[in-house]
PDB file of N, CA and C in Angstrom:
ATOM      1  N   THR A   1     -50.844 -54.898 -70.067  1.00  0.00           N
ATOM      2  CA  THR A   1     -51.096 -53.687 -70.622  1.00  0.00           C
ATOM      3  C   THR A   1     -52.492 -54.986 -71.657  1.00  0.00           C
ATOM      4  N   GLN A   2     -53.291 -54.657 -72.109  1.00  0.00           N
ATOM      5  CA  GLN A   2     -54.123 -54.939 -72.945  1.00  0.00           C
ATOM      6  C   GLN A   2     -53.861 -56.650 -74.435  1.00  0.00           C
ATOM      7  N   HIS A   3     -52.385 -55.747 -74.459  1.00  0.00           N
ATOM      8  CA  HIS A   3     -52.318 -56.503 -75.471  1.00  0.00           C
ATOM      9  C   HIS A   3     -50.565 -57.793 -75.101  1.00  0.00           C
ATOM     10  N   GLY A   4     -51.138 -57.963 -73.562  1.00  0.00           N
ATOM     11  CA  GLY A   4     -49.896 -58.625 -72.870  1.00  0.00           C
ATOM     12  C   GLY A   4     -48.465 -58.877 -73.021  1.00  0.00           C
ATOM     13  N   VAL A   5     -48.026 -57.406 -73.283  1.00  0.00           N
ATOM     14  CA  VAL A   5     -46.468 -56.832 -73.341  1.00  0.00           C
ATOM     15  C   VAL A   5     -45.996 -56.168 -71.857  1.00  0.00           C
ATOM     16  N   LEU A   6     -45.457 -56.422 -71.514  1.00  0.00           N
ATOM     17  CA  LEU A   6     -44.755 -55.664 -70.579  1.00  0.00           C
ATOM     18  C   LEU A   6     -43.862 -54.722 -70.926  1.00  0.00           C
ATOM     19  N   GLU A   7     -43.490 -53.703 -70.457  1.00  0.00           N
ATOM     20  CA  GLU A   7     -42.928 -52.972 -70.722  1.00  0.00           C
ATOM     21  C   GLU A   7     -41.955 -52.615 -69.723  1.00  0.00           C
ATOM     22  N   ARG A   8     -41.170 -53.260 -69.083  1.00  0.00           N
ATOM     23  CA  ARG A   8     -39.844 -53.797 -68.131  1.00  0.00           C
ATOM     24  C   ARG A   8     -39.329 -54.772 -68.686  1.00  0.00           C
ATOM     25  N   ASP A   9     -37.915 -55.211 -68.629  1.00  0.00           N
ATOM     26  CA  ASP A   9     -36.963 -56.245 -68.940  1.00  0.00           C
ATOM     27  C   ASP A   9     -37.314 -57.337 -67.387  1.00  0.00           C
ATOM     28  N   ALA A  10     -38.123 -57.021 -66.522  1.00  0.00           N
ATOM     29  CA  ALA A  10     -37.995 -57.907 -65.449  1.00  0.00           C
ATOM     30  C   ALA A  10     -38.790 -57.648 -64.309  1.00  0.00           C
ATOM     31  N   LEU A  11     -39.546 -58.785 -63.517  1.00  0.00           N
ATOM     32  CA  LEU A  11     -40.828 -58.380 -62.521  1.00  0.00           C
ATOM     33  C   LEU A  11     -39.539 -58.994 -61.126  1.00  0.00           C
ATOM     34  N   PHE A  12     -39.790 -57.932 -60.524  1.00  0.00           N
ATOM     35  CA  PHE A  12     -39.180 -58.662 -58.856  1.00  0.00           C
ATOM     36  C   PHE A  12     -40.540 -58.955 -58.138  1.00  0.00           C
ATOM     37  N   PHE A  13     -39.949 -60.150 -57.459  1.00  0.00           N
ATOM     38  CA  PHE A  13     -40.839 -60.399 -55.969  1.00  0.00           C
ATOM     39  C   PHE A  13     -40.117 -60.420 -55.175  1.00  0.00           C
ATOM     40  N   HIS A  14     -41.009 -60.306 -53.991  1.00  0.00           N
ATOM     41  CA  HIS A  14     -40.032 -59.975 -52.203  1.00  0.00           C
ATOM     42  C   HIS A  14     -40.897 -60.764 -51.510  1.00  0.00           C
ATOM     43  N   TYR A  15     -40.689 -62.162 -50.614  1.00  0.00           N
ATOM     44  CA  TYR A  15     -41.254 -62.417 -49.890  1.00  0.00           C
ATOM     45  C   TYR A  15     -40.638 -62.392 -48.547  1.00  0.00           C
ATOM     46  N   PRO A  16     -40.793 -61.398 -47.314  1.00  0.00           N
ATOM     47  CA  PRO A  16     -39.857 -61.559 -46.352  1.00  0.00           C
ATOM     48  C   PRO A  16     -40.664 -62.084 -44.816  1.00  0.00           C
ATOM     49  N   ASN A  17     -41.572 -62.495 -44.928  1.00  0.00           N
ATOM     50  CA  ASN A  17     -42.733 -62.809 -44.059  1.00  0.00           C
ATOM     51  C   ASN A  17     -43.395 -63.947 -44.134  1.00  0.00           C
ATOM     52  N   TYR A  18     -43.443 -64.544 -42.882  1.00  0.00           N
ATOM     53  CA  TYR A  18     -43.814 -66.147 -42.573  1.00  0.00           C
ATOM     54  C   TYR A  18     -45.150 -66.194 -43.818  1.00  0.00           C
ATOM     55  N   ALA A  19     -45.722 -67.078 -44.094  1.00  0.00           N
ATOM     56  CA  ALA A  19     -46.870 -67.196 -45.058  1.00  0.00           C
ATOM     57  C   ALA A  19     -47.356 -68.420 -44.198  1.00  0.00           C
ATOM     58  N   TRP A  20     -48.994 -68.421 -44.593  1.00  0.00           N
ATOM     59  CA  TRP A  20     -50.075 -69.869 -44.523  1.00  0.00           C
ATOM     60  C   TRP A  20     -49.345 -70.784 -45.255  1.00  0.00           C
ATOM     61  N   HIS A  21     -48.905 -70.289 -46.778  1.00  0.00           N
ATOM     62  CA  HIS A  21     -48.537 -71.344 -47.625  1.00  0.00           C
ATOM     63  C   HIS A  21     -47.012 -71.377 -48.073  1.00  0.00           C
ATOM     64  N   ARG A  22     -47.177 -72.824 -48.726  1.00  0.00           N
ATOM     65  CA  ARG A  22     -45.486 -72.939 -49.224  1.00  0.00           C
ATOM     66  C   ARG A  22     -44.341 -73.590 -48.542  1.00  0.00           C
ATOM     67  N   SER A  23     -45.097 -73.979 -47.466  1.00  0.00           N
ATOM     68  CA  SER A  23     -44.292 -74.703 -46.028  1.00  0.00           C
ATOM     69  C   SER A  23     -43.225 -73.125 -45.512  1.00  0.00           C
ATOM     70  N   ASN A  24     -44.112 -72.025 -45.479  1.00  0.00           N
ATOM     71  CA  ASN A  24     -43.349 -70.965 -44.575  1.00  0.00           C
ATOM     72  C   ASN A  24     -41.946 -70.486 -45.663  1.00  0.00           C
ATOM     73  N   ARG A  25     -41.900 -70.844 -46.600  1.00  0.00           N
ATOM     74  CA  ARG A  25     -40.277 -70.486 -46.918  1.00  0.00           C
ATOM     75  C   ARG A  25     -40.288 -68.680 -47.785  1.00  0.00           C
ATOM     76  N   LEU A  26     -38.994 -68.396 -46.744  1.00  0.00           N
ATOM     77  CA  LEU A  26     -39.070 -66.985 -47.271  1.00  0.00           C
ATOM     78  C   LEU A  26     -38.445 -67.104 -48.446  1.00  0.00           C
ATOM     79  N   GLY A  27     -38.319 -66.053 -49.522  1.00  0.00           N
ATOM     80  CA  GLY A  27     -37.673 -65.806 -50.371  1.00  0.00           C
ATOM     81  C   GLY A  27     -37.606 -64.782 -51.153  1.00  0.00           C
ATOM     82  N   GLY A  28     -37.807 -64.695 -52.523  1.00  0.00           N
ATOM     83  CA  GLY A  28     -37.654 -63.968 -53.286  1.00  0.00           C
ATOM     84  C   GLY A  28     -37.932 -64.397 -55.293  1.00  0.00           C
ATOM     85  N   ALA A  29     -37.905 -63.891 -55.917  1.00  0.00           N
ATOM     86  CA  ALA A  29     -37.695 -64.245 -57.373  1.00  0.00           C
ATOM     87  C   ALA A  29     -37.687 -63.147 -58.678  1.00  0.00           C
ATOM     88  N   ILE A  30     -37.183 -63.610 -59.509  1.00  0.00           N
ATOM     89  CA  ILE A  30     -36.825 -62.479 -60.994  1.00  0.00           C
ATOM     90  C   ILE A  30     -37.616 -63.400 -61.598  1.00  0.00           C
ATOM     91  N   ARG A  31     -38.513 -62.628 -62.912  1.00  0.00           N
ATOM     92  CA  ARG A  31     -39.164 -63.279 -63.909  1.00  0.00           C
ATOM     93  C   ARG A  31     -38.360 -62.069 -64.666  1.00  0.00           C
ATOM     94  N   ALA A  32     -38.055 -62.622 -65.881  1.00  0.00           N
ATOM     95  CA  ALA A  32     -36.763 -61.775 -66.728  1.00  0.00           C
ATOM     96  C   ALA A  32     -36.970 -62.786 -68.422  1.00  0.00           C
ATOM     97  N   GLY A  33     -37.490 -62.453 -69.379  1.00  0.00           N
ATOM     98  CA  GLY A  33     -37.543 -63.250 -70.542  1.00  0.00           C
ATOM     99  C   GLY A  33     -38.588 -64.549 -70.120  1.00  0.00           C
ATOM    100  N   ASP A  34     -38.506 -65.530 -70.592  1.00  0.00           N
ATOM    101  CA  ASP A  34     -39.197 -66.437 -70.581  1.00  0.00           C
ATOM    102  C   ASP A  34     -38.442 -67.162 -68.595  1.00  0.00           C
ATOM    103  N   TYR A  35     -37.438 -66.632 -68.309  1.00  0.00           N
ATOM    104  CA  TYR A  35     -37.045 -67.509 -67.038  1.00  0.00           C
ATOM    105  C   TYR A  35     -37.612 -66.628 -65.827  1.00  0.00           C
ATOM    106  N   LYS A  36     -37.820 -67.931 -64.957  1.00  0.00           N
ATOM    107  CA  LYS A  36     -38.247 -67.297 -63.892  1.00  0.00           C
ATOM    108  C   LYS A  36     -37.294 -67.877 -62.483  1.00  0.00           C
ATOM    109  N   LEU A  37     -36.257 -67.094 -61.509  1.00  0.00           N
ATOM    110  CA  LEU A  37     -35.927 -67.611 -60.751  1.00  0.00           C
ATOM    111  C   LEU A  37     -35.846 -67.537 -59.447  1.00  0.00           C
ATOM    112  N   ILE A  38     -36.301 -68.533 -58.488  1.00  0.00           N
ATOM    113  CA  ILE A  38     -36.795 -68.467 -56.913  1.00  0.00           C
ATOM    114  C   ILE A  38     -35.660 -68.544 -56.433  1.00  0.00           C
ATOM    115  N   GLU A  39     -35.564 -67.651 -55.048  1.00  0.00           N
ATOM    116  CA  GLU A  39     -34.480 -68.013 -53.893  1.00  0.00           C
ATOM    117  C   GLU A  39     -35.241 -67.974 -52.785  1.00  0.00           C
ATOM    118  N   ARG A  40     -34.502 -68.961 -52.300  1.00  0.00           N
ATOM    119  CA  ARG A  40     -34.858 -69.576 -50.687  1.00  0.00           C
ATOM    120  C   ARG A  40     -33.983 -68.729 -50.162  1.00  0.00           C
ATOM    121  N   PHE A  41     -34.370 -68.268 -48.765  1.00  0.00           N
ATOM    122  CA  PHE A  41     -33.507 -67.731 -47.910  1.00  0.00           C
ATOM    123  C   PHE A  41     -33.118 -68.026 -46.283  1.00  0.00           C
ATOM    124  N   ASP A  42     -33.993 -69.512 -46.305  1.00  0.00           N
ATOM    125  CA  ASP A  42     -33.577 -69.669 -45.379  1.00  0.00           C
ATOM    126  C   ASP A  42     -32.727 -71.207 -45.556  1.00  0.00           C
ATOM    127  N   ASP A  43     -32.370 -71.465 -46.544  1.00  0.00           N
ATOM    128  CA  ASP A  43     -31.315 -72.565 -46.914  1.00  0.00           C
ATOM    129  C   ASP A  43     -30.204 -71.848 -47.964  1.00  0.00           C
ATOM    130  N   GLY A  44     -30.555 -71.007 -48.690  1.00  0.00           N
ATOM    131  CA  GLY A  44     -30.223 -70.190 -50.014  1.00  0.00           C
ATOM    132  C   GLY A  44     -30.147 -70.719 -51.366  1.00  0.00           C
ATOM    133  N   SER A  45     -31.075 -71.361 -51.100  1.00  0.00           N
ATOM    134  CA  SER A  45     -30.785 -72.666 -52.426  1.00  0.00           C
ATOM    135  C   SER A  45     -32.234 -71.591 -53.506  1.00  0.00           C
ATOM    136  N   VAL A  46     -31.468 -71.793 -55.090  1.00  0.00           N
ATOM    137  CA  VAL A  46     -32.493 -71.685 -55.758  1.00  0.00           C
ATOM    138  C   VAL A  46     -33.334 -72.458 -56.928  1.00  0.00           C
ATOM    139  N   GLU A  47     -33.970 -71.926 -57.460  1.00  0.00           N
ATOM    140  CA  GLU A  47     -34.777 -73.051 -58.495  1.00  0.00           C
ATOM    141  C   GLU A  47     -34.841 -71.897 -59.913  1.00  0.00           C
ATOM    142  N   LEU A  48     -34.500 -72.619 -60.743  1.00  0.00           N
ATOM    143  CA  LEU A  48     -34.240 -72.193 -62.507  1.00  0.00           C
ATOM    144  C   LEU A  48     -35.632 -72.605 -63.083  1.00  0.00           C
ATOM    145  N   TYR A  49     -36.524 -72.029 -63.729  1.00  0.00           N
ATOM    146  CA  TYR A  49     -37.405 -72.513 -64.845  1.00  0.00           C
ATOM    147  C   TYR A  49     -37.705 -71.583 -65.986  1.00  0.00           C
ATOM    148  N   ASP A  50     -37.522 -72.131 -67.265  1.00  0.00           N
ATOM    149  CA  ASP A  50     -38.152 -71.450 -68.244  1.00  0.00           C
ATOM    150  C   ASP A  50     -39.203 -72.252 -68.817  1.00  0.00           C
ATOM    151  N   LEU A  51     -40.036 -70.738 -68.399  1.00  0.00           N
ATOM    152  CA  LEU A  51     -41.631 -70.689 -68.544  1.00  0.00           C
ATOM    153  C   LEU A  51     -42.104 -70.886 -70.143  1.00  0.00           C
ATOM    154  N   LYS A  52     -41.386 -70.710 -70.698  1.00  0.00           N
ATOM    155  CA  LYS A  52     -41.729 -70.675 -72.179  1.00  0.00           C
ATOM    156  C   LYS A  52     -42.039 -72.322 -72.563  1.00  0.00           C
ATOM    157  N   GLY A  53     -41.369 -73.489 -71.958  1.00  0.00           N
ATOM    158  CA  GLY A  53     -41.625 -74.409 -72.165  1.00  0.00           C
ATOM    159  C   GLY A  53     -41.841 -75.445 -70.661  1.00  0.00           C
ATOM    160  N   ASP A  54     -42.183 -74.534 -69.641  1.00  0.00           N
ATOM    161  CA  ASP A  54     -42.711 -75.142 -68.190  1.00  0.00           C
ATOM    162  C   ASP A  54     -43.351 -74.486 -67.681  1.00  0.00           C
ATOM    163  N   LEU A  55     -44.268 -74.059 -68.381  1.00  0.00           N
ATOM    164  CA  LEU A  55     -45.626 -73.119 -67.482  1.00  0.00           C
ATOM    165  C   LEU A  55     -45.403 -73.465 -65.625  1.00  0.00           C
ATOM    166  N   GLY A  56     -45.892 -75.293 -65.882  1.00  0.00           N
ATOM    167  CA  GLY A  56     -46.029 -75.468 -64.087  1.00  0.00           C
ATOM    168  C   GLY A  56     -44.733 -76.040 -63.294  1.00  0.00           C
ATOM    169  N   GLU A  57     -43.550 -75.006 -63.649  1.00  0.00           N
ATOM    170  CA  GLU A  57     -42.636 -74.936 -62.708  1.00  0.00           C
ATOM    171  C   GLU A  57     -42.487 -76.377 -62.261  1.00  0.00           C
ATOM    172  N   GLU A  58     -42.320 -77.122 -63.506  1.00  0.00           N
ATOM    173  CA  GLU A  58     -41.647 -78.498 -62.786  1.00  0.00           C
ATOM    174  C   GLU A  58     -40.651 -79.092 -62.931  1.00  0.00           C
ATOM    175  N   HIS A  59     -39.785 -78.236 -63.604  1.00  0.00           N
ATOM    176  CA  HIS A  59     -38.236 -79.252 -64.199  1.00  0.00           C
ATOM    177  C   HIS A  59     -37.544 -78.026 -63.667  1.00  0.00           C
ATOM    178  N   ASP A  60     -36.470 -77.751 -62.322  1.00  0.00           N
ATOM    179  CA  ASP A  60     -36.057 -77.094 -62.143  1.00  0.00           C
ATOM    180  C   ASP A  60     -34.179 -77.315 -63.022  1.00  0.00           C
ATOM    181  N   ILE A  61     -33.994 -76.094 -63.584  1.00  0.00           N
ATOM    182  CA  ILE A  61     -32.951 -76.036 -64.798  1.00  0.00           C
ATOM    183  C   ILE A  61     -32.128 -75.877 -63.928  1.00  0.00           C
ATOM    184  N   ALA A  62     -31.538 -74.883 -62.728  1.00  0.00           N
ATOM    185  CA  ALA A  62     -30.531 -74.224 -62.731  1.00  0.00           C
ATOM    186  C   ALA A  62     -29.619 -74.798 -62.417  1.00  0.00           C
ATOM    187  N   SER A  63     -29.180 -76.162 -62.578  1.00  0.00           N
ATOM    188  CA  SER A  63     -28.040 -76.720 -62.192  1.00  0.00           C
ATOM    189  C   SER A  63     -27.330 -77.239 -63.676  1.00  0.00           C
ATOM    190  N   GLU A  64     -28.775 -76.859 -64.799  1.00  0.00           N
ATOM    191  CA  GLU A  64     -28.010 -76.773 -66.467  1.00  0.00           C
ATOM    192  C   GLU A  64     -27.556 -75.803 -66.430  1.00  0.00           C
ATOM    193  N   LYS A  65     -27.876 -74.794 -66.037  1.00  0.00           N
ATOM    194  CA  LYS A  65     -27.985 -73.409 -66.399  1.00  0.00           C
ATOM    195  C   LYS A  65     -27.226 -72.234 -65.268  1.00  0.00           C
ATOM    196  N   PRO A  66     -26.167 -72.953 -65.052  1.00  0.00           N
ATOM    197  CA  PRO A  66     -25.372 -71.976 -63.660  1.00  0.00           C
ATOM    198  C   PRO A  66     -24.980 -70.895 -63.681  1.00  0.00           C
ATOM    199  N   GLU A  67     -24.593 -70.492 -64.710  1.00  0.00           N
ATOM    200  CA  GLU A  67     -24.460 -68.876 -65.392  1.00  0.00           C
ATOM    201  C   GLU A  67     -25.871 -68.118 -65.559  1.00  0.00           C
ATOM    202  N   LEU A  68     -26.389 -68.394 -65.620  1.00  0.00           N
ATOM    203  CA  LEU A  68     -28.046 -67.496 -66.059  1.00  0.00           C
ATOM    204  C   LEU A  68     -28.575 -67.519 -64.204  1.00  0.00           C
ATOM    205  N   ALA A  69     -28.570 -68.538 -63.964  1.00  0.00           N
ATOM    206  CA  ALA A  69     -28.887 -68.428 -62.129  1.00  0.00           C
ATOM    207  C   ALA A  69     -28.295 -67.516 -61.542  1.00  0.00           C
ATOM    208  N   ALA A  70     -27.250 -67.788 -61.218  1.00  0.00           N
ATOM    209  CA  ALA A  70     -25.855 -66.689 -60.894  1.00  0.00           C
ATOM    210  C   ALA A  70     -26.173 -65.431 -61.479  1.00  0.00           C
ATOM    211  N   ARG A  71     -26.459 -64.693 -62.254  1.00  0.00           N
ATOM    212  CA  ARG A  71     -26.743 -63.625 -63.150  1.00  0.00           C
ATOM    213  C   ARG A  71     -28.221 -63.159 -62.457  1.00  0.00           C
ATOM    214  N   LEU A  72     -29.493 -63.952 -62.730  1.00  0.00           N
ATOM    215  CA  LEU A  72     -30.424 -63.095 -62.287  1.00  0.00           C
ATOM    216  C   LEU A  72     -30.586 -63.126 -60.930  1.00  0.00           C
ATOM    217  N   ARG A  73     -29.863 -63.842 -60.194  1.00  0.00           N
ATOM    218  CA  ARG A  73     -29.665 -64.450 -58.625  1.00  0.00           C
ATOM    219  C   ARG A  73     -29.107 -62.940 -58.117  1.00  0.00           C
ATOM    220  N   ALA A  74     -28.431 -62.441 -58.953  1.00  0.00           N
ATOM    221  CA  ALA A  74     -27.598 -61.466 -58.630  1.00  0.00           C
ATOM    222  C   ALA A  74     -28.303 -59.857 -59.026  1.00  0.00           C
ATOM    223  N   ARG A  75     -28.860 -60.427 -59.652  1.00  0.00           N
ATOM    224  CA  ARG A  75     -30.070 -58.981 -60.608  1.00  0.00           C
ATOM    225  C   ARG A  75     -31.375 -58.708 -59.347  1.00  0.00           C
ATOM    226  N   LEU A  76     -31.291 -59.491 -58.406  1.00  0.00           N
ATOM    227  CA  LEU A  76     -32.454 -59.879 -57.756  1.00  0.00           C
ATOM    228  C   LEU A  76     -32.067 -59.288 -56.796  1.00  0.00           C
ATOM    229  N   ALA A  77     -30.755 -59.811 -55.869  1.00  0.00           N
ATOM    230  CA  ALA A  77     -29.844 -58.911 -55.014  1.00  0.00           C
ATOM    231  C   ALA A  77     -29.732 -57.777 -54.985  1.00  0.00           C
ATOM    232  N   ALA A  78     -29.428 -56.856 -56.393  1.00  0.00           N
ATOM    233  CA  ALA A  78     -29.336 -55.844 -55.911  1.00  0.00           C
ATOM    234  C   ALA A  78     -30.651 -54.854 -56.200  1.00  0.00           C
ATOM    235  N   TRP A  79     -31.718 -55.867 -56.853  1.00  0.00           N
ATOM    236  CA  TRP A  79     -32.909 -54.556 -56.636  1.00  0.00           C
ATOM    237  C   TRP A  79     -33.720 -54.555 -55.397  1.00  0.00           C
ATOM    238  N   ARG A  80     -33.061 -55.820 -54.757  1.00  0.00           N
ATOM    239  CA  ARG A  80     -33.347 -55.415 -53.251  1.00  0.00           C
ATOM    240  C   ARG A  80     -32.645 -54.151 -52.505  1.00  0.00           C
ATOM    241  N   VAL A  81     -31.654 -53.880 -53.003  1.00  0.00           N
ATOM    242  CA  VAL A  81     -30.749 -53.221 -52.318  1.00  0.00           C
ATOM    243  C   VAL A  81     -30.940 -52.002 -52.909  1.00  0.00           C
ATOM    244  N   GLU A  82     -31.762 -51.719 -54.197  1.00  0.00           N
ATOM    245  CA  GLU A  82     -31.819 -50.400 -54.555  1.00  0.00           C
ATOM    246  C   GLU A  82     -33.017 -49.901 -54.534  1.00  0.00           C
ATOM    247  N   VAL A  83     -34.601 -51.257 -53.767  1.00  0.00           N
ATOM    248  CA  VAL A  83     -35.443 -50.394 -53.278  1.00  0.00           C
ATOM    249  C   VAL A  83     -35.939 -51.246 -51.630  1.00  0.00           C
ATOM    250  N   GLY A  84     -33.951 -51.059 -51.324  1.00  0.00           N
ATOM    251  CA  GLY A  84     -34.380 -50.687 -49.586  1.00  0.00           C
ATOM    252  C   GLY A  84     -35.077 -52.006 -48.851  1.00  0.00           C
ATOM    253  N   ALA A  85     -35.566 -53.419 -49.780  1.00  0.00           N
ATOM    254  CA  ALA A  85     -36.336 -54.506 -49.188  1.00  0.00           C
ATOM    255  C   ALA A  85     -36.140 -54.462 -47.743  1.00  0.00           C
ATOM    256  N   ALA A  86     -37.166 -55.125 -47.084  1.00  0.00           N
ATOM    257  CA  ALA A  86     -36.131 -55.543 -45.828  1.00  0.00           C
ATOM    258  C   ALA A  86     -35.987 -57.055 -45.687  1.00  0.00           C
ATOM    259  N   MET A  87     -35.177 -57.647 -44.937  1.00  0.00           N
ATOM    260  CA  MET A  87     -34.972 -58.907 -45.047  1.00  0.00           C
ATOM    261  C   MET A  87     -35.942 -59.526 -43.621  1.00  0.00           C
ATOM    262  N   PRO A  88     -35.912 -61.126 -43.947  1.00  0.00           N
ATOM    263  CA  PRO A  88     -36.103 -61.324 -42.345  1.00  0.00           C
ATOM    264  C   PRO A  88     -35.636 -61.436 -41.436  1.00  0.00           C
ATOM    265  N   VAL A  89     -35.909 -61.610 -40.569  1.00  0.00           N
ATOM    266  CA  VAL A  89     -35.631 -61.888 -39.222  1.00  0.00           C
ATOM    267  C   VAL A  89     -35.698 -63.293 -38.489  1.00  0.00           C
ATOM    268  N   GLU A  90     -34.642 -63.878 -37.675  1.00  0.00           N
ATOM    269  CA  GLU A  90     -35.541 -65.455 -37.233  1.00  0.00           C
ATOM    270  C   GLU A  90     -36.138 -64.712 -36.297  1.00  0.00           C
ATOM    271  N   ALA A  91     -37.340 -65.285 -35.444  1.00  0.00           N
ATOM    272  CA  ALA A  91     -37.922 -65.360 -34.862  1.00  0.00           C
ATOM    273  C   ALA A  91     -37.648 -65.483 -34.036  1.00  0.00           C
ATOM    274  N   PRO A  92     -37.901 -64.864 -32.086  1.00  0.00           N
ATOM    275  CA  PRO A  92     -37.496 -65.340 -31.022  1.00  0.00           C
ATOM    276  C   PRO A  92     -38.020 -66.461 -30.768  1.00  0.00           C
ATOM    277  N   ARG A  93     -37.373 -67.064 -29.735  1.00  0.00           N
ATOM    278  CA  ARG A  93     -37.808 -68.723 -29.239  1.00  0.00           C
ATOM    279  C   ARG A  93     -37.797 -68.714 -27.843  1.00  0.00           C
TER     280      ARG A  93
END
């Protein structure tokens, strides 16, 4: 909106395709409140950032807040099911 207020409690992102940027890492993300969780499909890892104090996403706090990371990861997975998000398939060699 014009005043910078979102009328939803979370934003979801889904990157199922290889791209030229970010080392071609497939994954998804959820932004909920001040937190952003990034999930990598290739190795199953997650990163968690508190954007209020770390807008540049330099300090991964997933190990410091494992319950929050798990909760956000579950919300992201549920959203993918809800919208029927296509998951990446391994390219033939």
